Amino acid sequence: MSTEVPLLNVQIDGVWMQFPKGTKVIDACSQAGKFIPRYCYHPKLSVPGNCRMCLIEMGMPKMTPDRKPILGPDGRPEIGWIPRPQISCAQDVSEGLGVRTDSPMVQECRKGVMEFLLINHPLDCPICDQAGECRLQEFSVEYGNAESRFLERKVKKPKNVELGPRVTLDAERCVLCSRCIRFMKEVAQDDVLGFVDRGGFSTIACHPDKTLESNYSLNTVDICPVGALTSTDFRFKMRVWFLKETKSIDVNDGLGCNILIGSRENHIYRITPRENNDVNGNWIPDSHRLNFKYLQDEHRLSHPSVDGKQMPWPETISAAVSSLKAAGTLAMVLSARLTNEELYLARLLSTALKVSLHDVVPRVGEPDGILIPADRNPNTAGAQLLGATGKEPGKTLPEIVAGVRSGAIQGLICLGEDLSECGFNPADLKKLKALVATSILPTDTTKAAHIVLPGAAWAEKRGSMINIHGRLQRLNKGVEPAGEAHDDWEILRDLLVASGSPVSFHEIEDVFRAMSQDIPAFAGLNLSKIGDLGVQLLPKPETVAATV
């Protein structure tokens, strides 16, 4: 049984407010609308208190000899102010605490800290990848001096240092905040970084005989408040203020890390994590954030085809339905990478075409104990809820393979999968009278398919998925599909219409509305209500390990 956390009275810039016991002063100020500048502080990491940028003026209630607070005319305690500044990141709120966030003393302290930080900092903002999202730039405008009093030579430090395969260090820009060191030790569980040398020559470096090669190394780039750590992949590729950022989710596994898709002119340049404390915190694995280059592959399928010849969409859809109806017994292989809306339409299509067997292709790997779970499909829970698979995904696949080999199944619909990965060989596929496949890239299946329907990739569509914790989350479109490729829900809708089903879906919201009416778990929801952070749709399985 949880115990209520007591609320403490705190005065911030003359206004009394209440905060739960244990709240950091820096967080209390933020909640009160008073932003405190900081470099080393990060809410998900330990507190070193070494940048001194968050200095404030602090005081405690004046006390009588018998330790009772002296009250002012307003009935509130009078504050006795401490004559020296205090760091706000390492202090918890206490009863009667007084805080001044913008007093003359505080302003002078911040200007002094900024002056020291800028003494040896290089004047290379025009070529720095962090320009546009740099805390040093922002705070130097607000708290820096118009000119420098420093006449000596700047200390030169190493530049373009490859700390690992994905992270490049420019030590001259480092403000020694230690965020990267603490992240690697406390979150990535790979204590590989540390400080070397002293004074103005201090810099970060890898421990001897080690490199920064953790699968979470690029998170150090995200949390670096200046341009010291940069992504080798993104370095010098694009100015961040040109990027359009789209809130979406990662589809590399069942957790569904929240992400931002950074794109410009229909080209994706980077993926960065988006904070969601119910899913991934502030982090994302390197392997996931860098796995987007295939979306821009020159071999992307961009036109529908029938027997290898490009055809207009209406003729291709009509040919697909005709060939499936003429084939005989049908089966369907789906992907647990499809959205709920696509799985729902696939379910309706399966009924319309009297599909006898169907299942999804399972993907399982070794969990890493941080953010990568064993389930490498992003929507297994959605596939189970919508009836695309049973409690054991893939259990029916051997029966489908056997049916194709024996000739009992003459037609096959493959949605977003490569059949060669689930037991089929080229000879099996040649036996089929009708093979209709959707995909974004050429595969053994698309090469053997009679009809190929090019779909949209995860960054090119809208929809929803359910992660391993039972949380319903939303995909958003960051870029447009390649060429004449269509959104998968539109392809499935057109197949339904061509098969004679009386459906009328003009927008994906229409599909979700119909799904919410048919599936009780979705009742009362729509895509807008899911929000940017998702909603808990199903009970969280007890067998799923907690993540960061």
Protein backbone atom coordinates (compact mmCIF):
# COMPACT_ATOMS: atom_id res chain seq x y z
CA MET A 1 0.00 0.00 0.00
CA SER A 2 1.51 3.32 -1.11
CA THR A 3 2.02 6.15 1.38
CA GLU A 4 1.12 9.69 0.37
CA VAL A 5 4.12 11.93 -0.16
CA PRO A 6 3.86 15.02 2.04
CA LEU A 7 3.67 18.44 0.37
CA LEU A 8 6.15 21.11 1.43
CA ASN A 9 5.67 24.88 1.30
CA VAL A 10 8.33 26.61 -0.80
CA GLN A 11 8.67 30.27 -1.72
CA ILE A 12 9.91 30.82 -5.30
CA ASP A 13 10.54 34.43 -6.29
CA GLY A 14 8.15 35.66 -3.62
CA VAL A 15 5.33 33.22 -4.42
CA TRP A 16 4.51 30.37 -2.03
CA MET A 17 3.83 27.00 -3.67
CA GLN A 18 3.66 23.35 -2.61
CA PHE A 19 5.84 20.50 -3.92
CA PRO A 20 6.14 16.82 -2.96
CA LYS A 21 8.94 15.93 -0.59
CA GLY A 22 12.00 14.75 -2.55
CA THR A 23 11.51 17.19 -5.45
CA LYS A 24 14.76 18.76 -6.65
CA VAL A 25 14.82 22.54 -6.31
CA ILE A 26 15.69 22.85 -10.00
CA ASP A 27 12.59 20.80 -10.91
CA ALA A 28 10.39 22.74 -8.49
CA CYS A 29 11.48 25.97 -10.15
CA SER A 30 10.66 24.54 -13.58
CA GLN A 31 7.21 23.48 -12.38
CA ALA A 32 6.71 27.02 -11.11
CA GLY A 33 7.53 28.39 -14.57
CA LYS A 34 11.04 29.52 -13.62
CA PHE A 35 13.55 27.80 -15.88
CA ILE A 36 17.00 27.37 -14.35
CA PRO A 37 19.84 27.07 -16.90
CA ARG A 38 21.89 23.89 -16.55
CA TYR A 39 24.50 21.77 -18.32
CA CYS A 40 25.33 18.82 -16.08
CA TYR A 41 21.84 18.17 -14.64
CA HIS A 42 19.66 15.55 -16.31
CA PRO A 43 16.54 14.19 -14.57
CA LYS A 44 17.35 10.58 -15.55
CA LEU A 45 20.96 10.66 -14.29
CA SER A 46 22.74 11.13 -10.98
CA VAL A 47 23.58 14.67 -9.84
CA PRO A 48 27.27 15.69 -9.95
CA GLY A 49 26.74 19.43 -9.42
CA ASN A 50 29.82 20.33 -11.42
CA CYS A 51 28.77 22.90 -14.05
CA ARG A 52 27.53 25.53 -11.53
CA MET A 53 25.23 27.06 -14.11
CA CYS A 54 22.16 26.37 -11.97
CA LEU A 55 23.24 28.62 -9.09
CA ILE A 56 20.40 30.32 -7.24
CA GLU A 57 19.91 32.36 -4.10
CA MET A 58 18.43 30.29 -1.31
CA GLY A 59 17.24 30.86 2.23
CA MET A 60 15.56 29.17 5.18
CA PRO A 61 12.90 30.43 7.63
CA LYS A 62 14.17 32.69 10.40
CA MET A 63 13.77 31.00 13.76
CA THR A 64 13.09 32.16 17.29
CA PRO A 65 15.35 30.84 20.09
CA ASP A 66 12.86 28.01 20.67
CA ARG A 67 13.11 26.96 16.98
CA LYS A 68 9.78 28.32 15.81
CA PRO A 69 9.59 30.18 12.47
CA ILE A 70 9.23 33.95 12.61
CA LEU A 71 6.12 34.93 10.69
CA GLY A 72 5.79 38.05 8.55
CA PRO A 73 2.73 40.30 8.10
CA ASP A 74 1.29 37.83 5.60
CA GLY A 75 1.44 34.99 8.12
CA ARG A 76 4.20 33.25 6.17
CA PRO A 77 7.71 32.55 7.49
CA GLU A 78 10.29 35.26 7.02
CA ILE A 79 13.26 34.02 4.96
CA GLY A 80 16.86 34.41 6.09
CA TRP A 81 18.85 34.44 2.87
CA ILE A 82 22.18 32.61 2.65
CA PRO A 83 24.89 35.12 1.62
CA ARG A 84 26.43 32.82 -1.01
CA PRO A 85 24.79 31.13 -4.03
CA GLN A 86 23.72 27.48 -3.98
CA ILE A 87 23.36 24.92 -6.76
CA SER A 88 19.72 24.00 -7.32
CA CYS A 89 20.28 20.58 -8.91
CA ALA A 90 21.65 18.89 -5.77
CA GLN A 91 19.14 20.37 -3.31
CA ASP A 92 15.76 18.91 -2.37
CA VAL A 93 12.93 21.18 -1.36
CA SER A 94 12.31 21.57 2.37
CA GLU A 95 9.58 23.16 4.46
CA GLY A 96 9.76 26.96 4.32
CA LEU A 97 12.56 27.02 1.75
CA GLY A 98 13.03 30.31 -0.10
CA VAL A 99 14.41 30.54 -3.65
CA ARG A 100 15.38 33.50 -5.81
CA THR A 101 15.99 32.53 -9.42
CA ASP A 102 16.79 35.93 -10.92
CA SER A 103 18.25 38.17 -8.23
CA PRO A 104 21.28 40.41 -8.93
CA MET A 105 23.53 37.83 -7.22
CA VAL A 106 22.16 35.03 -9.41
CA GLN A 107 22.57 37.06 -12.58
CA GLU A 108 26.15 37.91 -11.71
CA CYS A 109 26.95 34.26 -10.94
CA ARG A 110 25.53 33.02 -14.24
CA LYS A 111 27.48 35.60 -16.19
CA GLY A 112 30.63 34.54 -14.38
CA VAL A 113 30.06 30.86 -15.11
CA MET A 114 29.37 31.62 -18.78
CA GLU A 115 32.54 33.70 -19.01
CA PHE A 116 34.64 30.83 -17.70
CA LEU A 117 32.96 28.29 -20.02
CA LEU A 118 33.57 30.47 -23.07
CA ILE A 119 37.22 31.27 -22.30
CA ASN A 120 38.59 28.28 -24.24
CA HIS A 121 35.54 27.48 -26.34
CA PRO A 122 36.25 27.67 -30.09
CA LEU A 123 34.35 30.20 -32.20
CA ASP A 124 33.14 27.61 -34.70
CA CYS A 125 29.37 27.83 -34.28
CA PRO A 126 28.83 28.20 -38.07
CA ILE A 127 30.19 24.69 -38.72
CA CYS A 128 29.05 23.00 -35.50
CA ASP A 129 26.42 20.28 -35.84
CA GLN A 130 24.88 21.35 -32.54
CA ALA A 131 24.13 24.85 -33.84
CA GLY A 132 20.44 25.53 -33.50
CA GLU A 133 19.97 23.20 -30.53
CA CYS A 134 23.00 24.16 -28.42
CA ARG A 135 22.58 25.16 -24.79
CA LEU A 136 25.86 27.05 -24.86
CA GLN A 137 24.60 29.23 -27.71
CA GLU A 138 21.29 29.84 -25.98
CA PHE A 139 22.73 30.68 -22.58
CA SER A 140 25.55 32.80 -23.96
CA VAL A 141 22.94 35.08 -25.54
CA GLU A 142 21.03 35.42 -22.29
CA TYR A 143 23.82 35.31 -19.73
CA GLY A 144 27.05 35.93 -21.66
CA ASN A 145 29.02 39.16 -22.00
CA ALA A 146 29.11 41.09 -25.27
CA GLU A 147 32.91 40.86 -25.38
CA SER A 148 35.65 38.76 -23.82
CA ARG A 149 38.16 39.95 -21.26
CA PHE A 150 40.37 36.93 -21.97
CA LEU A 151 43.57 37.99 -23.78
CA GLU A 152 45.64 34.78 -23.50
CA ARG A 153 45.76 31.97 -26.06
CA LYS A 154 42.92 29.47 -25.96
CA VAL A 155 43.82 25.94 -24.87
CA LYS A 156 43.83 23.62 -27.88
CA LYS A 157 42.28 20.19 -27.43
CA PRO A 158 41.85 17.17 -29.75
CA LYS A 159 39.34 17.46 -32.60
CA ASN A 160 37.58 14.83 -34.73
CA VAL A 161 38.34 12.05 -32.25
CA GLU A 162 36.52 8.79 -33.00
CA LEU A 163 35.46 7.58 -29.58
CA GLY A 164 33.74 4.64 -31.25
CA PRO A 165 32.20 3.59 -34.57
CA ARG A 166 29.27 5.99 -34.25
CA VAL A 167 30.38 8.90 -32.04
CA THR A 168 32.92 11.64 -32.85
CA LEU A 169 34.38 13.95 -30.19
CA ASP A 170 35.44 17.58 -30.54
CA ALA A 171 37.08 18.07 -27.15
CA GLU A 172 37.48 21.84 -27.59
CA ARG A 173 33.72 22.26 -27.28
CA CYS A 174 33.29 20.09 -24.17
CA VAL A 175 32.09 21.88 -21.01
CA LEU A 176 32.91 18.85 -18.79
CA CYS A 177 29.29 18.33 -17.76
CA SER A 178 29.91 14.53 -17.42
CA ARG A 179 26.47 13.63 -18.79
CA CYS A 180 27.99 11.15 -21.24
CA ILE A 181 30.12 9.55 -18.52
CA ARG A 182 27.16 9.10 -16.19
CA PHE A 183 24.88 7.81 -18.94
CA MET A 184 27.33 5.12 -20.03
CA LYS A 185 27.84 3.99 -16.44
CA GLU A 186 24.30 4.24 -15.09
CA VAL A 187 22.04 3.50 -18.07
CA ALA A 188 24.08 1.75 -20.78
CA GLN A 189 25.93 -0.22 -18.07
CA ASP A 190 29.21 0.21 -19.93
CA ASP A 191 31.56 2.34 -17.81
CA VAL A 192 33.89 3.25 -20.66
CA LEU A 193 34.21 7.06 -20.45
CA GLY A 194 36.03 9.30 -17.99
CA PHE A 195 37.95 12.56 -17.54
CA VAL A 196 41.67 12.80 -18.20
CA ASP A 197 44.18 15.61 -17.41
CA ARG A 198 43.55 18.57 -15.14
CA GLY A 199 42.36 22.16 -15.11
CA GLY A 200 41.87 23.78 -18.49
CA PHE A 201 43.34 20.70 -20.18
CA SER A 202 40.68 18.28 -18.88
CA THR A 203 38.77 16.33 -21.49
CA ILE A 204 36.72 13.16 -21.80
CA ALA A 205 38.26 9.99 -23.19
CA CYS A 206 37.71 6.25 -23.30
CA HIS A 207 39.45 4.14 -20.72
CA PRO A 208 42.64 2.43 -22.01
CA ASP A 209 42.03 -0.41 -24.46
CA LYS A 210 38.32 0.44 -24.67
CA THR A 211 36.11 2.19 -27.23
CA LEU A 212 32.62 3.67 -27.13
CA GLU A 213 30.89 0.88 -29.03
CA SER A 214 27.83 0.23 -26.88
CA ASN A 215 24.52 -0.11 -28.72
CA TYR A 216 23.39 2.95 -26.73
CA SER A 217 26.37 5.19 -27.49
CA LEU A 218 24.43 7.71 -29.62
CA ASN A 219 22.33 8.67 -26.62
CA THR A 220 25.41 10.52 -25.38
CA VAL A 221 25.09 12.72 -28.48
CA ASP A 222 21.46 13.46 -27.63
CA ILE A 223 22.19 14.53 -24.08
CA CYS A 224 25.41 16.44 -24.82
CA PRO A 225 24.34 20.07 -24.21
CA VAL A 226 26.98 21.44 -26.59
CA GLY A 227 28.61 20.25 -29.82
CA ALA A 228 31.32 18.09 -28.24
CA LEU A 229 29.78 14.71 -29.11
CA THR A 230 28.34 14.32 -32.59
CA SER A 231 26.81 11.47 -34.55
CA THR A 232 29.27 10.26 -37.15
CA ASP A 233 26.37 9.27 -39.38
CA PHE A 234 24.58 12.65 -39.18
CA ARG A 235 27.70 14.83 -38.95
CA PHE A 236 27.69 17.67 -41.51
CA LYS A 237 24.65 16.21 -43.32
CA MET A 238 21.95 18.79 -42.57
CA ARG A 239 21.26 21.87 -40.47
CA VAL A 240 18.82 20.94 -37.71
CA TRP A 241 16.63 24.02 -38.22
CA PHE A 242 15.78 22.77 -41.72
CA LEU A 243 14.51 19.44 -40.42
CA LYS A 244 10.82 18.69 -40.05
CA GLU A 245 10.39 16.63 -36.89
CA THR A 246 7.57 14.09 -36.83
CA LYS A 247 6.53 12.33 -33.64
CA SER A 248 6.24 8.59 -34.19
CA ILE A 249 7.33 5.22 -32.76
CA ASP A 250 10.14 2.80 -33.54
CA VAL A 251 9.13 -0.48 -35.20
CA ASN A 252 12.28 -2.56 -34.74
CA ASP A 253 10.88 -4.48 -31.78
CA GLY A 254 7.89 -4.89 -29.51
CA LEU A 255 8.72 -2.03 -27.13
CA GLY A 256 7.95 0.76 -29.62
CA CYS A 257 10.39 3.44 -28.44
CA ASN A 258 9.02 6.94 -28.99
CA ILE A 259 11.02 8.79 -31.64
CA LEU A 260 11.32 11.94 -33.73
CA ILE A 261 11.78 11.52 -37.48
CA GLY A 262 13.99 14.33 -38.79
CA SER A 263 13.34 14.86 -42.49
CA ARG A 264 13.66 17.46 -45.21
CA GLU A 265 12.25 17.39 -48.74
CA ASN A 266 10.99 13.82 -48.29
CA HIS A 267 14.39 12.53 -47.17
CA ILE A 268 15.04 11.18 -43.66
CA TYR A 269 18.30 12.42 -42.13
CA ARG A 270 18.11 11.17 -38.57
CA ILE A 271 16.02 9.45 -35.91
CA THR A 272 16.22 10.67 -32.31
CA PRO A 273 14.48 9.47 -29.13
CA ARG A 274 11.39 11.18 -27.77
CA GLU A 275 10.70 11.15 -24.03
CA ASN A 276 8.04 8.74 -22.83
CA ASN A 277 8.51 7.54 -19.28
CA ASP A 278 5.99 4.73 -19.79
CA VAL A 279 7.99 3.22 -22.65
CA ASN A 280 11.62 4.16 -23.30
CA GLY A 281 12.39 7.05 -20.98
CA ASN A 282 14.67 9.32 -23.00
CA TRP A 283 16.69 6.67 -24.83
CA ILE A 284 16.79 4.44 -27.90
CA PRO A 285 19.29 1.77 -29.10
CA ASP A 286 21.74 2.80 -31.84
CA SER A 287 20.73 -0.20 -33.96
CA HIS A 288 17.14 1.04 -34.02
CA ARG A 289 17.74 4.73 -34.66
CA LEU A 290 20.10 4.02 -37.58
CA ASN A 291 17.86 1.42 -39.22
CA PHE A 292 16.11 3.74 -41.67
CA LYS A 293 18.46 3.87 -44.67
CA TYR A 294 16.57 1.04 -46.40
CA LEU A 295 13.54 3.32 -46.69
CA GLN A 296 15.53 5.40 -49.18
CA ASP A 297 16.97 2.43 -51.07
CA GLU A 298 17.20 2.99 -54.83
CA HIS A 299 15.53 -0.39 -55.37
CA ARG A 300 12.30 0.54 -53.55
CA LEU A 301 9.20 -0.92 -55.17
CA SER A 302 7.33 2.06 -56.55
CA HIS A 303 4.85 0.72 -59.14
CA PRO A 304 2.26 -2.10 -59.02
CA SER A 305 2.88 -4.97 -61.41
CA VAL A 306 1.16 -8.04 -62.86
CA ASP A 307 3.43 -10.89 -63.97
CA GLY A 308 6.39 -8.55 -63.95
CA LYS A 309 4.75 -5.79 -66.01
CA GLN A 310 3.86 -2.41 -64.55
CA MET A 311 0.14 -1.78 -64.49
CA PRO A 312 -2.14 1.02 -63.24
CA TRP A 313 -3.49 0.50 -59.74
CA PRO A 314 -7.15 -0.18 -60.67
CA GLU A 315 -6.20 -2.91 -63.15
CA THR A 316 -3.70 -4.44 -60.72
CA ILE A 317 -6.23 -4.58 -57.87
CA SER A 318 -8.85 -6.11 -60.15
CA ALA A 319 -6.35 -8.70 -61.41
CA ALA A 320 -5.33 -9.58 -57.86
CA VAL A 321 -8.88 -10.29 -56.70
CA SER A 322 -9.78 -12.18 -59.88
CA SER A 323 -6.71 -14.42 -59.66
CA LEU A 324 -7.33 -15.15 -55.96
CA LYS A 325 -10.99 -16.03 -56.52
CA ALA A 326 -10.07 -18.33 -59.39
CA ALA A 327 -7.23 -20.05 -57.53
CA GLY A 328 -9.26 -22.17 -55.12
CA THR A 329 -8.30 -22.66 -51.47
CA LEU A 330 -6.53 -19.58 -50.09
CA ALA A 331 -4.15 -18.83 -47.23
CA MET A 332 -2.74 -15.56 -45.89
CA VAL A 333 0.64 -14.78 -44.35
CA LEU A 334 0.58 -11.48 -42.47
CA SER A 335 3.21 -9.39 -40.76
CA ALA A 336 3.17 -8.33 -37.12
CA ARG A 337 4.77 -5.16 -38.47
CA LEU A 338 1.43 -4.09 -39.88
CA THR A 339 -0.63 -1.49 -38.03
CA ASN A 340 -3.85 -2.37 -36.21
CA GLU A 341 -5.85 -0.72 -38.98
CA GLU A 342 -4.13 -2.83 -41.65
CA LEU A 343 -4.59 -6.01 -39.62
CA TYR A 344 -8.27 -5.19 -39.19
CA LEU A 345 -8.73 -4.71 -42.94
CA ALA A 346 -6.77 -7.92 -43.58
CA ARG A 347 -9.21 -9.68 -41.28
CA LEU A 348 -12.16 -8.36 -43.32
CA LEU A 349 -10.41 -9.37 -46.55
CA SER A 350 -9.77 -12.84 -45.17
CA THR A 351 -13.49 -13.23 -44.52
CA ALA A 352 -14.49 -11.81 -47.92
CA LEU A 353 -12.19 -14.17 -49.82
CA LYS A 354 -12.89 -17.16 -47.53
CA VAL A 355 -9.22 -17.60 -46.56
CA SER A 356 -8.82 -20.95 -44.81
CA LEU A 357 -5.53 -20.44 -42.94
CA HIS A 358 -3.63 -17.38 -41.78
CA ASP A 359 -0.78 -16.47 -39.42
CA VAL A 360 1.99 -13.95 -38.81
CA VAL A 361 5.75 -14.48 -39.02
CA PRO A 362 7.28 -14.43 -35.50
CA ARG A 363 10.61 -12.74 -34.78
CA VAL A 364 12.46 -13.51 -31.57
CA GLY A 365 15.89 -12.45 -30.37
CA GLU A 366 17.95 -12.19 -27.21
CA PRO A 367 16.80 -9.30 -24.97
CA ASP A 368 19.52 -6.90 -23.84
CA GLY A 369 18.03 -6.10 -20.44
CA ILE A 370 17.72 -2.39 -21.22
CA LEU A 371 15.37 -1.47 -24.08
CA ILE A 372 15.48 -4.36 -26.55
CA PRO A 373 12.97 -7.13 -25.70
CA ALA A 374 12.85 -10.66 -27.06
CA ASP A 375 9.90 -9.90 -29.37
CA ARG A 376 11.31 -8.18 -32.47
CA ASN A 377 7.91 -7.55 -34.04
CA PRO A 378 6.34 -4.18 -33.15
CA ASN A 379 2.70 -5.28 -33.13
CA THR A 380 2.42 -8.88 -31.98
CA ALA A 381 -0.16 -7.86 -29.37
CA GLY A 382 -2.22 -6.13 -32.06
CA ALA A 383 -2.04 -9.19 -34.31
CA GLN A 384 -3.27 -11.37 -31.45
CA LEU A 385 -6.06 -8.98 -30.47
CA LEU A 386 -7.28 -8.72 -34.07
CA GLY A 387 -7.16 -12.46 -34.68
CA ALA A 388 -4.27 -12.51 -37.16
CA THR A 389 -2.45 -15.06 -34.99
CA GLY A 390 -2.94 -17.12 -31.86
CA LYS A 391 -1.15 -17.16 -28.54
CA GLU A 392 1.86 -18.69 -30.30
CA PRO A 393 2.62 -16.60 -33.41
CA GLY A 394 3.79 -18.72 -36.31
CA LYS A 395 2.22 -21.97 -35.10
CA THR A 396 0.01 -22.23 -38.19
CA LEU A 397 2.79 -21.39 -40.68
CA PRO A 398 4.03 -25.01 -41.06
CA GLU A 399 0.48 -26.03 -41.94
CA ILE A 400 0.32 -23.32 -44.61
CA VAL A 401 3.68 -24.41 -46.04
CA ALA A 402 2.56 -28.05 -46.09
CA GLY A 403 -0.71 -27.08 -47.78
CA VAL A 404 1.12 -25.22 -50.56
CA ARG A 405 3.53 -28.12 -51.11
CA SER A 406 0.75 -30.68 -51.27
CA GLY A 407 -1.36 -28.55 -53.57
CA ALA A 408 -4.18 -28.21 -51.02
CA ILE A 409 -3.61 -24.45 -51.03
CA GLN A 410 -3.54 -22.88 -54.50
CA GLY A 411 -3.62 -19.17 -53.65
CA LEU A 412 -1.59 -17.16 -51.16
CA ILE A 413 -1.74 -13.55 -49.97
CA CYS A 414 1.51 -12.31 -48.43
CA LEU A 415 1.29 -8.98 -46.60
CA GLY A 416 4.64 -7.33 -45.88
CA GLU A 417 6.70 -10.50 -45.42
CA ASP A 418 9.25 -12.57 -47.34
CA LEU A 419 8.00 -16.14 -47.51
CA SER A 420 11.55 -17.46 -47.80
CA GLU A 421 12.00 -16.49 -44.13
CA CYS A 422 9.23 -18.76 -42.90
CA GLY A 423 9.85 -22.11 -44.55
CA PHE A 424 8.90 -21.61 -48.21
CA ASN A 425 11.35 -22.36 -51.03
CA PRO A 426 11.15 -21.22 -54.68
CA ALA A 427 9.68 -24.56 -55.76
CA ASP A 428 6.80 -24.13 -53.28
CA LEU A 429 5.91 -20.71 -54.64
CA LYS A 430 5.89 -21.95 -58.25
CA LYS A 431 3.07 -24.36 -57.36
CA LEU A 432 0.70 -21.54 -56.52
CA LYS A 433 -1.92 -20.47 -59.02
CA ALA A 434 -2.08 -17.03 -57.45
CA LEU A 435 0.49 -15.28 -55.28
CA VAL A 436 -0.31 -11.69 -54.31
CA ALA A 437 2.33 -9.82 -52.29
CA THR A 438 2.71 -6.40 -50.73
CA SER A 439 6.20 -5.14 -49.95
CA ILE A 440 8.43 -2.09 -50.01
CA LEU A 441 11.60 -3.79 -51.33
CA PRO A 442 12.28 -6.61 -53.80
CA THR A 443 12.39 -10.03 -52.10
CA ASP A 444 12.29 -13.67 -53.17
CA THR A 445 8.53 -13.43 -52.65
CA THR A 446 8.02 -10.39 -54.90
CA LYS A 447 10.16 -12.04 -57.59
CA ALA A 448 7.89 -15.10 -57.51
CA ALA A 449 4.63 -13.21 -57.05
CA HIS A 450 2.11 -12.94 -59.85
CA ILE A 451 0.94 -9.58 -58.52
CA VAL A 452 3.07 -7.12 -56.56
CA LEU A 453 1.47 -4.25 -54.66
CA PRO A 454 4.07 -1.71 -53.41
CA GLY A 455 3.17 -0.43 -49.94
CA ALA A 456 4.33 2.31 -47.61
CA ALA A 457 7.07 1.97 -45.01
CA TRP A 458 6.53 2.69 -41.32
CA ALA A 459 7.78 6.30 -41.63
CA GLU A 460 5.42 6.88 -44.54
CA LYS A 461 2.13 5.96 -42.91
CA ARG A 462 -0.26 6.66 -40.08
CA GLY A 463 -1.82 4.11 -37.82
CA SER A 464 -1.54 2.46 -34.42
CA MET A 465 0.27 -0.45 -32.78
CA ILE A 466 0.22 -2.17 -29.37
CA ASN A 467 3.54 -2.77 -27.67
CA ILE A 468 4.60 -5.62 -25.40
CA HIS A 469 3.31 -3.71 -22.37
CA GLY A 470 -0.19 -3.48 -23.87
CA ARG A 471 0.22 0.22 -24.66
CA LEU A 472 -1.56 1.55 -27.75
CA GLN A 473 0.72 3.95 -29.63
CA ARG A 474 0.51 5.95 -32.81
CA LEU A 475 2.56 6.03 -36.01
CA ASN A 476 2.69 9.34 -37.88
CA LYS A 477 3.73 10.04 -41.45
CA GLY A 478 7.12 11.72 -41.72
CA VAL A 479 7.69 11.38 -45.48
CA GLU A 480 5.67 10.35 -48.54
CA PRO A 481 5.77 6.81 -50.01
CA ALA A 482 8.09 6.12 -52.93
CA GLY A 483 6.79 6.67 -56.47
CA GLU A 484 3.26 5.33 -56.93
CA ALA A 485 3.36 3.18 -53.79
CA HIS A 486 0.15 3.31 -51.77
CA ASP A 487 -0.48 3.20 -48.05
CA ASP A 488 -1.14 -0.43 -47.07
CA TRP A 489 -4.55 0.32 -45.58
CA GLU A 490 -5.59 1.82 -48.93
CA ILE A 491 -4.38 -1.29 -50.78
CA LEU A 492 -6.36 -3.56 -48.47
CA ARG A 493 -9.42 -1.33 -48.73
CA ASP A 494 -9.27 -1.45 -52.54
CA LEU A 495 -8.91 -5.24 -52.47
CA LEU A 496 -11.97 -5.40 -50.20
CA VAL A 497 -14.01 -3.20 -52.53
CA ALA A 498 -12.93 -5.24 -55.57
CA SER A 499 -13.92 -8.44 -53.76
CA GLY A 500 -17.46 -7.11 -53.36
CA SER A 501 -17.39 -6.00 -49.72
CA PRO A 502 -19.63 -2.98 -48.97
CA VAL A 503 -16.97 -0.93 -47.16
CA SER A 504 -16.61 2.83 -47.35
CA PHE A 505 -13.32 4.00 -45.85
CA HIS A 506 -12.05 7.34 -47.12
CA GLU A 507 -9.59 8.12 -44.33
CA ILE A 508 -7.67 5.96 -41.90
CA GLU A 509 -9.82 7.48 -39.14
CA ASP A 510 -12.77 5.69 -40.77
CA VAL A 511 -10.95 2.37 -40.41
CA PHE A 512 -10.18 3.00 -36.75
CA ARG A 513 -13.81 3.98 -36.14
CA ALA A 514 -15.04 0.72 -37.64
CA MET A 515 -12.43 -1.23 -35.68
CA SER A 516 -13.46 0.43 -32.42
CA GLN A 517 -17.06 -0.63 -33.07
CA ASP A 518 -16.10 -4.26 -33.79
CA ILE A 519 -13.32 -4.79 -31.24
CA PRO A 520 -14.37 -4.00 -27.62
CA ALA A 521 -10.81 -3.16 -26.52
CA PHE A 522 -10.78 -0.14 -28.88
CA ALA A 523 -14.22 1.13 -27.88
CA GLY A 524 -14.37 4.88 -27.29
CA LEU A 525 -10.97 5.54 -28.84
CA ASN A 526 -9.76 7.20 -32.02
CA LEU A 527 -6.35 8.13 -33.39
CA SER A 528 -6.47 11.58 -31.82
CA LYS A 529 -7.28 10.22 -28.35
CA ILE A 530 -4.19 7.98 -28.47
CA GLY A 531 -2.12 11.15 -28.23
CA ASP A 532 1.62 11.54 -28.58
CA LEU A 533 2.43 9.26 -25.64
CA GLY A 534 -0.16 6.52 -26.19
CA VAL A 535 -2.75 4.99 -23.87
CA GLN A 536 -2.75 1.78 -21.85
CA LEU A 537 -5.09 -0.50 -23.80
CA LEU A 538 -4.37 -3.97 -22.38
CA PRO A 539 -3.15 -5.13 -18.96
CA LYS A 540 0.63 -5.12 -18.73
CA PRO A 541 1.88 -8.74 -18.91
CA GLU A 542 3.64 -9.81 -15.72
CA THR A 543 6.23 -11.74 -17.75
CA VAL A 544 7.51 -8.62 -19.52
CA ALA A 545 10.63 -7.24 -17.88
CA ALA A 546 10.70 -3.60 -16.88
CA THR A 547 12.63 -1.25 -19.16
CA VAL A 548 14.48 2.00 -18.57
